[in-house]
Amino acid sequence: MAKSEAWQRKEGKDPKGGLNAKGRASYNKANPGKPGLKPPAPKPKTEKDAKRRSSFCARMSGVKGPMKDEKGKPTRKALALKAWNC
């Protein structure tokens, strides 16, 4: 059986939330028609970065699901929101 893409496995995920560079590259390679994923923009340097960050925060904050799992650890959602300073 073939391995799944890196962005779907642990090796493509950043422990702080979101995808690492290898995961983003894997996703971009697997989805050639879509715009490529970019790293987080937590400290916006331009107005475009600020809009991108606020848009992500608005979308991700509305996602259903808990912020902590049953063991009390933050979920991937919580980690991503923290990485983007939402």
PDB file of N, CA and C in Angstrom:
ATOM      1  N   MET A   1       0.845  -1.185   0.000  1.00  0.00           N
ATOM      2  CA  MET A   1       0.000   0.000   0.000  1.00  0.00           C
ATOM      3  C   MET A   1       0.888   1.245   0.000  1.00  0.00           C
ATOM      4  N   ALA A   2       0.529   2.235  -0.798  1.00  0.00           N
ATOM      5  CA  ALA A   2       1.302   3.468  -0.904  1.00  0.00           C
ATOM      6  C   ALA A   2       1.098   4.335   0.340  1.00  0.00           C
ATOM      7  N   LYS A   3       2.145   5.067   0.680  1.00  0.00           N
ATOM      8  CA  LYS A   3       2.052   5.987   1.812  1.00  0.00           C
ATOM      9  C   LYS A   3       1.187   7.177   1.448  1.00  0.00           C
ATOM     10  N   SER A   4       0.521   7.733   2.451  1.00  0.00           N
ATOM     11  CA  SER A   4      -0.250   8.951   2.220  1.00  0.00           C
ATOM     12  C   SER A   4       0.722  10.132   2.129  1.00  0.00           C
ATOM     13  N   GLU A   5       0.217  11.249   1.693  1.00  0.00           N
ATOM     14  CA  GLU A   5       1.039  12.447   1.547  1.00  0.00           C
ATOM     15  C   GLU A   5       1.553  12.909   2.913  1.00  0.00           C
ATOM     16  N   ALA A   6       2.695  13.613   2.922  1.00  0.00           N
ATOM     17  CA  ALA A   6       3.314  14.063   4.170  1.00  0.00           C
ATOM     18  C   ALA A   6       2.403  15.002   4.959  1.00  0.00           C
ATOM     19  N   TRP A   7       1.581  15.808   4.263  1.00  0.00           N
ATOM     20  CA  TRP A   7       0.718  16.751   4.979  1.00  0.00           C
ATOM     21  C   TRP A   7      -0.387  16.049   5.742  1.00  0.00           C
ATOM     22  N   GLN A   8      -0.625  14.764   5.438  1.00  0.00           N
ATOM     23  CA  GLN A   8      -1.629  13.996   6.159  1.00  0.00           C
ATOM     24  C   GLN A   8      -1.019  13.166   7.282  1.00  0.00           C
ATOM     25  N   ARG A   9       0.303  13.100   7.329  1.00  0.00           N
ATOM     26  CA  ARG A   9       0.994  12.316   8.358  1.00  0.00           C
ATOM     27  C   ARG A   9       1.687  13.245   9.350  1.00  0.00           C
ATOM     28  N   LYS A  10       2.148  12.663  10.430  1.00  0.00           N
ATOM     29  CA  LYS A  10       2.787  13.428  11.500  1.00  0.00           C
ATOM     30  C   LYS A  10       4.029  14.177  11.018  1.00  0.00           C
ATOM     31  N   GLU A  11       4.776  13.591  10.086  1.00  0.00           N
ATOM     32  CA  GLU A  11       6.015  14.220   9.632  1.00  0.00           C
ATOM     33  C   GLU A  11       5.792  15.549   8.908  1.00  0.00           C
ATOM     34  N   GLY A  12       4.588  15.780   8.399  1.00  0.00           N
ATOM     35  CA  GLY A  12       4.283  17.032   7.709  1.00  0.00           C
ATOM     36  C   GLY A  12       3.593  18.057   8.582  1.00  0.00           C
ATOM     37  N   LYS A  13       3.338  17.711   9.834  1.00  0.00           N
ATOM     38  CA  LYS A  13       2.628  18.616  10.736  1.00  0.00           C
ATOM     39  C   LYS A  13       3.592  19.264  11.716  1.00  0.00           C
ATOM     40  N   ASP A  14       3.392  20.531  11.955  1.00  0.00           N
ATOM     41  CA  ASP A  14       4.202  21.281  12.900  1.00  0.00           C
ATOM     42  C   ASP A  14       3.662  21.038  14.307  1.00  0.00           C
ATOM     43  N   PRO A  15       4.517  20.707  15.265  1.00  0.00           N
ATOM     44  CA  PRO A  15       4.026  20.481  16.633  1.00  0.00           C
ATOM     45  C   PRO A  15       3.369  21.713  17.249  1.00  0.00           C
ATOM     46  N   LYS A  16       3.670  22.889  16.718  1.00  0.00           N
ATOM     47  CA  LYS A  16       3.073  24.126  17.233  1.00  0.00           C
ATOM     48  C   LYS A  16       1.758  24.453  16.555  1.00  0.00           C
ATOM     49  N   GLY A  17       1.320  23.623  15.607  1.00  0.00           N
ATOM     50  CA  GLY A  17       0.063  23.845  14.889  1.00  0.00           C
ATOM     51  C   GLY A  17       0.299  24.123  13.423  1.00  0.00           C
ATOM     52  N   GLY A  18      -0.597  23.653  12.583  1.00  0.00           N
ATOM     53  CA  GLY A  18      -0.478  23.861  11.149  1.00  0.00           C
ATOM     54  C   GLY A  18       0.483  22.859  10.517  1.00  0.00           C
ATOM     55  N   LEU A  19       0.951  23.181   9.327  1.00  0.00           N
ATOM     56  CA  LEU A  19       1.868  22.317   8.596  1.00  0.00           C
ATOM     57  C   LEU A  19       3.260  22.917   8.601  1.00  0.00           C
ATOM     58  N   ASN A  20       4.265  22.043   8.596  1.00  0.00           N
ATOM     59  CA  ASN A  20       5.634  22.522   8.461  1.00  0.00           C
ATOM     60  C   ASN A  20       5.945  22.677   6.974  1.00  0.00           C
ATOM     61  N   ALA A  21       7.179  23.056   6.640  1.00  0.00           N
ATOM     62  CA  ALA A  21       7.548  23.301   5.248  1.00  0.00           C
ATOM     63  C   ALA A  21       7.373  22.050   4.398  1.00  0.00           C
ATOM     64  N   LYS A  22       7.734  20.899   4.939  1.00  0.00           N
ATOM     65  CA  LYS A  22       7.593  19.646   4.195  1.00  0.00           C
ATOM     66  C   LYS A  22       6.119  19.342   3.931  1.00  0.00           C
ATOM     67  N   GLY A  23       5.273  19.583   4.896  1.00  0.00           N
ATOM     68  CA  GLY A  23       3.837  19.359   4.739  1.00  0.00           C
ATOM     69  C   GLY A  23       3.218  20.284   3.712  1.00  0.00           C
ATOM     70  N   ARG A  24       3.618  21.582   3.734  1.00  0.00           N
ATOM     71  CA  ARG A  24       3.106  22.529   2.748  1.00  0.00           C
ATOM     72  C   ARG A  24       3.556  22.151   1.343  1.00  0.00           C
ATOM     73  N   ALA A  25       4.820  21.749   1.199  1.00  0.00           N
ATOM     74  CA  ALA A  25       5.339  21.341  -0.111  1.00  0.00           C
ATOM     75  C   ALA A  25       4.596  20.111  -0.616  1.00  0.00           C
ATOM     76  N   SER A  26       4.330  19.167   0.271  1.00  0.00           N
ATOM     77  CA  SER A  26       3.607  17.952  -0.095  1.00  0.00           C
ATOM     78  C   SER A  26       2.187  18.283  -0.541  1.00  0.00           C
ATOM     79  N   TYR A  27       1.510  19.163   0.173  1.00  0.00           N
ATOM     80  CA  TYR A  27       0.145  19.560  -0.182  1.00  0.00           C
ATOM     81  C   TYR A  27       0.136  20.260  -1.541  1.00  0.00           C
ATOM     82  N   ASN A  28       1.080  21.186  -1.735  1.00  0.00           N
ATOM     83  CA  ASN A  28       1.137  21.924  -2.984  1.00  0.00           C
ATOM     84  C   ASN A  28       1.404  20.998  -4.171  1.00  0.00           C
ATOM     85  N   LYS A  29       2.227  19.977  -3.967  1.00  0.00           N
ATOM     86  CA  LYS A  29       2.527  19.013  -5.028  1.00  0.00           C
ATOM     87  C   LYS A  29       1.309  18.143  -5.337  1.00  0.00           C
ATOM     88  N   ALA A  30       0.551  17.771  -4.319  1.00  0.00           N
ATOM     89  CA  ALA A  30      -0.615  16.917  -4.491  1.00  0.00           C
ATOM     90  C   ALA A  30      -1.814  17.675  -5.073  1.00  0.00           C
ATOM     91  N   ASN A  31      -1.835  18.996  -4.964  1.00  0.00           N
ATOM     92  CA  ASN A  31      -2.951  19.822  -5.441  1.00  0.00           C
ATOM     93  C   ASN A  31      -2.434  20.913  -6.379  1.00  0.00           C
ATOM     94  N   PRO A  32      -2.015  20.535  -7.602  1.00  0.00           N
ATOM     95  CA  PRO A  32      -1.377  21.507  -8.498  1.00  0.00           C
ATOM     96  C   PRO A  32      -2.288  22.628  -9.005  1.00  0.00           C
ATOM     97  N   GLY A  33      -3.592  22.421  -9.089  1.00  0.00           N
ATOM     98  CA  GLY A  33      -4.487  23.450  -9.605  1.00  0.00           C
ATOM     99  C   GLY A  33      -4.860  24.509  -8.590  1.00  0.00           C
ATOM    100  N   LYS A  34      -4.603  24.246  -7.316  1.00  0.00           N
ATOM    101  CA  LYS A  34      -4.986  25.177  -6.253  1.00  0.00           C
ATOM    102  C   LYS A  34      -3.836  26.128  -5.947  1.00  0.00           C
ATOM    103  N   PRO A  35      -4.140  27.300  -5.386  1.00  0.00           N
ATOM    104  CA  PRO A  35      -3.058  28.193  -4.972  1.00  0.00           C
ATOM    105  C   PRO A  35      -2.244  27.539  -3.857  1.00  0.00           C
ATOM    106  N   GLY A  36      -0.949  27.753  -3.860  1.00  0.00           N
ATOM    107  CA  GLY A  36      -0.072  27.125  -2.887  1.00  0.00           C
ATOM    108  C   GLY A  36      -0.284  27.632  -1.477  1.00  0.00           C
ATOM    109  N   LEU A  37      -0.031  26.761  -0.504  1.00  0.00           N
ATOM    110  CA  LEU A  37      -0.119  27.154   0.900  1.00  0.00           C
ATOM    111  C   LEU A  37       1.106  27.968   1.268  1.00  0.00           C
ATOM    112  N   LYS A  38       0.913  28.927   2.154  1.00  0.00           N
ATOM    113  CA  LYS A  38       2.001  29.779   2.620  1.00  0.00           C
ATOM    114  C   LYS A  38       2.166  29.558   4.119  1.00  0.00           C
ATOM    115  N   PRO A  39       3.345  29.888   4.674  1.00  0.00           N
ATOM    116  CA  PRO A  39       3.509  29.785   6.126  1.00  0.00           C
ATOM    117  C   PRO A  39       2.647  30.822   6.841  1.00  0.00           C
ATOM    118  N   PRO A  40       2.409  30.636   8.141  1.00  0.00           N
ATOM    119  CA  PRO A  40       1.577  31.582   8.893  1.00  0.00           C
ATOM    120  C   PRO A  40       2.127  33.012   8.853  1.00  0.00           C
ATOM    121  N   ALA A  41       1.246  33.973   9.001  1.00  0.00           N
ATOM    122  CA  ALA A  41       1.632  35.385   9.034  1.00  0.00           C
ATOM    123  C   ALA A  41       1.247  35.981  10.378  1.00  0.00           C
ATOM    124  N   PRO A  42       1.878  35.537  11.477  1.00  0.00           N
ATOM    125  CA  PRO A  42       1.463  36.015  12.798  1.00  0.00           C
ATOM    126  C   PRO A  42       1.784  37.482  13.059  1.00  0.00           C
ATOM    127  N   LYS A  43       2.904  37.984  12.537  1.00  0.00           N
ATOM    128  CA  LYS A  43       3.247  39.389  12.744  1.00  0.00           C
ATOM    129  C   LYS A  43       3.223  40.081  11.388  1.00  0.00           C
ATOM    130  N   PRO A  44       2.075  40.656  11.025  1.00  0.00           N
ATOM    131  CA  PRO A  44       1.941  41.234   9.695  1.00  0.00           C
ATOM    132  C   PRO A  44       2.879  42.412   9.467  1.00  0.00           C
ATOM    133  N   LYS A  45       3.580  42.364   8.334  1.00  0.00           N
ATOM    134  CA  LYS A  45       4.484  43.454   7.978  1.00  0.00           C
ATOM    135  C   LYS A  45       3.823  44.406   6.993  1.00  0.00           C
ATOM    136  N   THR A  46       2.857  43.887   6.249  1.00  0.00           N
ATOM    137  CA  THR A  46       2.154  44.710   5.275  1.00  0.00           C
ATOM    138  C   THR A  46       0.651  44.617   5.529  1.00  0.00           C
ATOM    139  N   GLU A  47      -0.092  45.467   4.864  1.00  0.00           N
ATOM    140  CA  GLU A  47      -1.551  45.438   5.008  1.00  0.00           C
ATOM    141  C   GLU A  47      -2.109  44.121   4.456  1.00  0.00           C
ATOM    142  N   LYS A  48      -1.487  43.615   3.396  1.00  0.00           N
ATOM    143  CA  LYS A  48      -1.931  42.352   2.804  1.00  0.00           C
ATOM    144  C   LYS A  48      -1.776  41.204   3.811  1.00  0.00           C
ATOM    145  N   ASP A  49      -0.648  41.180   4.536  1.00  0.00           N
ATOM    146  CA  ASP A  49      -0.438  40.163   5.572  1.00  0.00           C
ATOM    147  C   ASP A  49      -1.463  40.296   6.691  1.00  0.00           C
ATOM    148  N   ALA A  50      -1.776  41.532   7.069  1.00  0.00           N
ATOM    149  CA  ALA A  50      -2.743  41.765   8.148  1.00  0.00           C
ATOM    150  C   ALA A  50      -4.123  41.268   7.747  1.00  0.00           C
ATOM    151  N   LYS A  51      -4.513  41.502   6.497  1.00  0.00           N
ATOM    152  CA  LYS A  51      -5.808  41.039   6.018  1.00  0.00           C
ATOM    153  C   LYS A  51      -5.842  39.517   5.965  1.00  0.00           C
ATOM    154  N   ARG A  52      -4.728  38.926   5.526  1.00  0.00           N
ATOM    155  CA  ARG A  52      -4.639  37.470   5.452  1.00  0.00           C
ATOM    156  C   ARG A  52      -4.774  36.848   6.843  1.00  0.00           C
ATOM    157  N   ARG A  53      -4.104  37.451   7.821  1.00  0.00           N
ATOM    158  CA  ARG A  53      -4.160  36.949   9.193  1.00  0.00           C
ATOM    159  C   ARG A  53      -5.560  37.082   9.767  1.00  0.00           C
ATOM    160  N   SER A  54      -6.184  38.242   9.587  1.00  0.00           N
ATOM    161  CA  SER A  54      -7.521  38.442  10.149  1.00  0.00           C
ATOM    162  C   SER A  54      -8.538  37.532   9.470  1.00  0.00           C
ATOM    163  N   SER A  55      -8.374  37.294   8.178  1.00  0.00           N
ATOM    164  CA  SER A  55      -9.265  36.391   7.456  1.00  0.00           C
ATOM    165  C   SER A  55      -9.130  34.964   7.993  1.00  0.00           C
ATOM    166  N   PHE A  56      -7.884  34.522   8.191  1.00  0.00           N
ATOM    167  CA  PHE A  56      -7.654  33.176   8.733  1.00  0.00           C
ATOM    168  C   PHE A  56      -8.266  33.055  10.125  1.00  0.00           C
ATOM    169  N   CYS A  57      -8.037  34.048  10.966  1.00  0.00           N
ATOM    170  CA  CYS A  57      -8.556  34.007  12.332  1.00  0.00           C
ATOM    171  C   CYS A  57     -10.082  33.951  12.345  1.00  0.00           C
ATOM    172  N   ALA A  58     -10.717  34.709  11.470  1.00  0.00           N
ATOM    173  CA  ALA A  58     -12.177  34.710  11.409  1.00  0.00           C
ATOM    174  C   ALA A  58     -12.698  33.344  10.972  1.00  0.00           C
ATOM    175  N   ARG A  59     -12.072  32.761   9.939  1.00  0.00           N
ATOM    176  CA  ARG A  59     -12.507  31.449   9.453  1.00  0.00           C
ATOM    177  C   ARG A  59     -12.249  30.362  10.492  1.00  0.00           C
ATOM    178  N   MET A  60     -11.039  30.328  11.038  1.00  0.00           N
ATOM    179  CA  MET A  60     -10.646  29.241  11.933  1.00  0.00           C
ATOM    180  C   MET A  60     -11.357  29.335  13.282  1.00  0.00           C
ATOM    181  N   SER A  61     -11.669  30.526  13.739  1.00  0.00           N
ATOM    182  CA  SER A  61     -12.367  30.676  15.015  1.00  0.00           C
ATOM    183  C   SER A  61     -13.779  30.119  14.950  1.00  0.00           C
ATOM    184  N   GLY A  62     -14.368  30.114  13.743  1.00  0.00           N
ATOM    185  CA  GLY A  62     -15.713  29.603  13.576  1.00  0.00           C
ATOM    186  C   GLY A  62     -15.797  28.097  13.383  1.00  0.00           C
ATOM    187  N   VAL A  63     -14.645  27.420  13.307  1.00  0.00           N
ATOM    188  CA  VAL A  63     -14.637  25.966  13.115  1.00  0.00           C
ATOM    189  C   VAL A  63     -15.145  25.293  14.384  1.00  0.00           C
ATOM    190  N   LYS A  64     -16.047  24.333  14.197  1.00  0.00           N
ATOM    191  CA  LYS A  64     -16.571  23.617  15.352  1.00  0.00           C
ATOM    192  C   LYS A  64     -15.514  22.678  15.899  1.00  0.00           C
ATOM    193  N   GLY A  65     -15.594  22.441  17.192  1.00  0.00           N
ATOM    194  CA  GLY A  65     -14.675  21.507  17.817  1.00  0.00           C
ATOM    195  C   GLY A  65     -14.068  22.096  19.073  1.00  0.00           C
ATOM    196  N   PRO A  66     -13.580  21.223  19.942  1.00  0.00           N
ATOM    197  CA  PRO A  66     -13.032  21.679  21.213  1.00  0.00           C
ATOM    198  C   PRO A  66     -11.647  22.301  21.054  1.00  0.00           C
ATOM    199  N   MET A  67     -11.264  23.099  22.027  1.00  0.00           N
ATOM    200  CA  MET A  67      -9.936  23.692  22.055  1.00  0.00           C
ATOM    201  C   MET A  67      -8.952  22.774  22.793  1.00  0.00           C
ATOM    202  N   LYS A  68      -9.500  21.840  23.591  1.00  0.00           N
ATOM    203  CA  LYS A  68      -8.658  20.873  24.303  1.00  0.00           C
ATOM    204  C   LYS A  68      -9.234  19.484  24.116  1.00  0.00           C
ATOM    205  N   ASP A  69      -8.347  18.481  24.060  1.00  0.00           N
ATOM    206  CA  ASP A  69      -8.818  17.107  23.917  1.00  0.00           C
ATOM    207  C   ASP A  69      -9.162  16.521  25.288  1.00  0.00           C
ATOM    208  N   GLU A  70      -9.499  15.245  25.308  1.00  0.00           N
ATOM    209  CA  GLU A  70      -9.919  14.615  26.560  1.00  0.00           C
ATOM    210  C   GLU A  70      -8.806  14.538  27.605  1.00  0.00           C
ATOM    211  N   LYS A  71      -7.545  14.653  27.182  1.00  0.00           N
ATOM    212  CA  LYS A  71      -6.412  14.628  28.112  1.00  0.00           C
ATOM    213  C   LYS A  71      -6.018  16.028  28.576  1.00  0.00           C
ATOM    214  N   GLY A  72      -6.714  17.046  28.077  1.00  0.00           N
ATOM    215  CA  GLY A  72      -6.416  18.414  28.477  1.00  0.00           C
ATOM    216  C   GLY A  72      -5.382  19.098  27.605  1.00  0.00           C
ATOM    217  N   LYS A  73      -4.908  18.410  26.557  1.00  0.00           N
ATOM    218  CA  LYS A  73      -3.927  19.004  25.653  1.00  0.00           C
ATOM    219  C   LYS A  73      -4.653  19.842  24.605  1.00  0.00           C
ATOM    220  N   PRO A  74      -4.008  20.917  24.127  1.00  0.00           N
ATOM    221  CA  PRO A  74      -4.652  21.725  23.085  1.00  0.00           C
ATOM    222  C   PRO A  74      -4.776  20.932  21.784  1.00  0.00           C
ATOM    223  N   THR A  75      -5.875  21.131  21.078  1.00  0.00           N
ATOM    224  CA  THR A  75      -6.099  20.447  19.807  1.00  0.00           C
ATOM    225  C   THR A  75      -5.321  21.157  18.699  1.00  0.00           C
ATOM    226  N   ARG A  76      -5.323  20.577  17.497  1.00  0.00           N
ATOM    227  CA  ARG A  76      -4.651  21.182  16.346  1.00  0.00           C
ATOM    228  C   ARG A  76      -5.263  22.558  16.058  1.00  0.00           C
ATOM    229  N   LYS A  77      -6.571  22.675  16.255  1.00  0.00           N
ATOM    230  CA  LYS A  77      -7.253  23.955  16.050  1.00  0.00           C
ATOM    231  C   LYS A  77      -6.692  25.014  16.997  1.00  0.00           C
ATOM    232  N   ALA A  78      -6.573  24.681  18.270  1.00  0.00           N
ATOM    233  CA  ALA A  78      -6.069  25.619  19.266  1.00  0.00           C
ATOM    234  C   ALA A  78      -4.620  26.015  18.957  1.00  0.00           C
ATOM    235  N   LEU A  79      -3.820  25.036  18.545  1.00  0.00           N
ATOM    236  CA  LEU A  79      -2.419  25.316  18.222  1.00  0.00           C
ATOM    237  C   LEU A  79      -2.300  26.251  17.016  1.00  0.00           C
ATOM    238  N   ALA A  80      -3.140  26.025  16.005  1.00  0.00           N
ATOM    239  CA  ALA A  80      -3.100  26.865  14.803  1.00  0.00           C
ATOM    240  C   ALA A  80      -3.512  28.303  15.154  1.00  0.00           C
ATOM    241  N   LEU A  81      -4.565  28.448  15.957  1.00  0.00           N
ATOM    242  CA  LEU A  81      -4.999  29.785  16.360  1.00  0.00           C
ATOM    243  C   LEU A  81      -3.920  30.496  17.158  1.00  0.00           C
ATOM    244  N   LYS A  82      -3.207  29.770  17.990  1.00  0.00           N
ATOM    245  CA  LYS A  82      -2.124  30.361  18.775  1.00  0.00           C
ATOM    246  C   LYS A  82      -0.962  30.767  17.872  1.00  0.00           C
ATOM    247  N   ALA A  83      -0.637  29.910  16.889  1.00  0.00           N
ATOM    248  CA  ALA A  83       0.461  30.216  15.974  1.00  0.00           C
ATOM    249  C   ALA A  83       0.188  31.478  15.155  1.00  0.00           C
ATOM    250  N   TRP A  84      -1.067  31.739  14.869  1.00  0.00           N
ATOM    251  CA  TRP A  84      -1.451  32.911  14.082  1.00  0.00           C
ATOM    252  C   TRP A  84      -1.789  34.109  14.973  1.00  0.00           C
ATOM    253  N   ASN A  85      -1.641  33.978  16.282  1.00  0.00           N
ATOM    254  CA  ASN A  85      -1.948  35.053  17.244  1.00  0.00           C
ATOM    255  C   ASN A  85      -3.395  35.517  17.137  1.00  0.00           C
ATOM    256  N   CYS A  86      -4.317  34.535  17.081  1.00  0.00           N
ATOM    257  CA  CYS A  86      -5.747  34.856  16.974  1.00  0.00           C
ATOM    258  C   CYS A  86      -6.356  35.040  18.340  1.00  0.00           C
TER     259      CYS A  86
END
